[in-house]
Amino acid sequence: MGGMFRRGDAGWPGGAFHLVVTVCVYRADGTVLLTQRAPTKEFAFGWEFPGGSAFAGETGPAAACRELLEETNVTVDPEALRRVGRFTEETALVDLFVVQEPSGSAVRADPAEVMDWRWVSLSEVAALRQSGVMAEPWGPRLDALWPAAMASILAADGLRRRTSR
């Protein structure tokens, strides 16, 4: 469509979508980074993968890198991102990317966006989904996208061997 709309503005045209990007950062030990939304954010205190909306003219990978940097201070190369799937919501196209944690990176959460963060196992992600502590939009997103994300992470060079021992 090519139009520009601000979040929350009235008059969102039917059939229009905005791009939402999320990044599942994984470590060689098979853990993934989850962040907890700040109390001032919508879906406060819910856990999720870092992400947000793309800006006008921004590619999905560029938006994913920007959001990851803003929320966690982790810098990744857009070329390193692997898109594992897209989930369609009422007005959003949600792309989930996976990327291995760059060596030497250190998570530093932006308190305006992120209240807490932690590295969790792949099985813990599913358990958190079942327990209801993931941010509200993440239930259906995980149902649709998590199997492909897990497969991509486990297929990473040598990861399956290291996590299965």
Foldseek 3Di string as FASTA:
>chain_A
DQDDDDPPDPDDDFPAAFEKEFEWEAELLQWTKKFAWAQVDQLHRAIDGFIGTDDRPDDRLRRHQVRCCQAWVFHDDSVQWDWQDWDDDRHYIYTYTYGYGDPPDDTDGDNNTTDDMDIGHLVVVVVSLVVPRHRVVVNVVCVPGVVSVSVVSCPPPPSVVNNVD
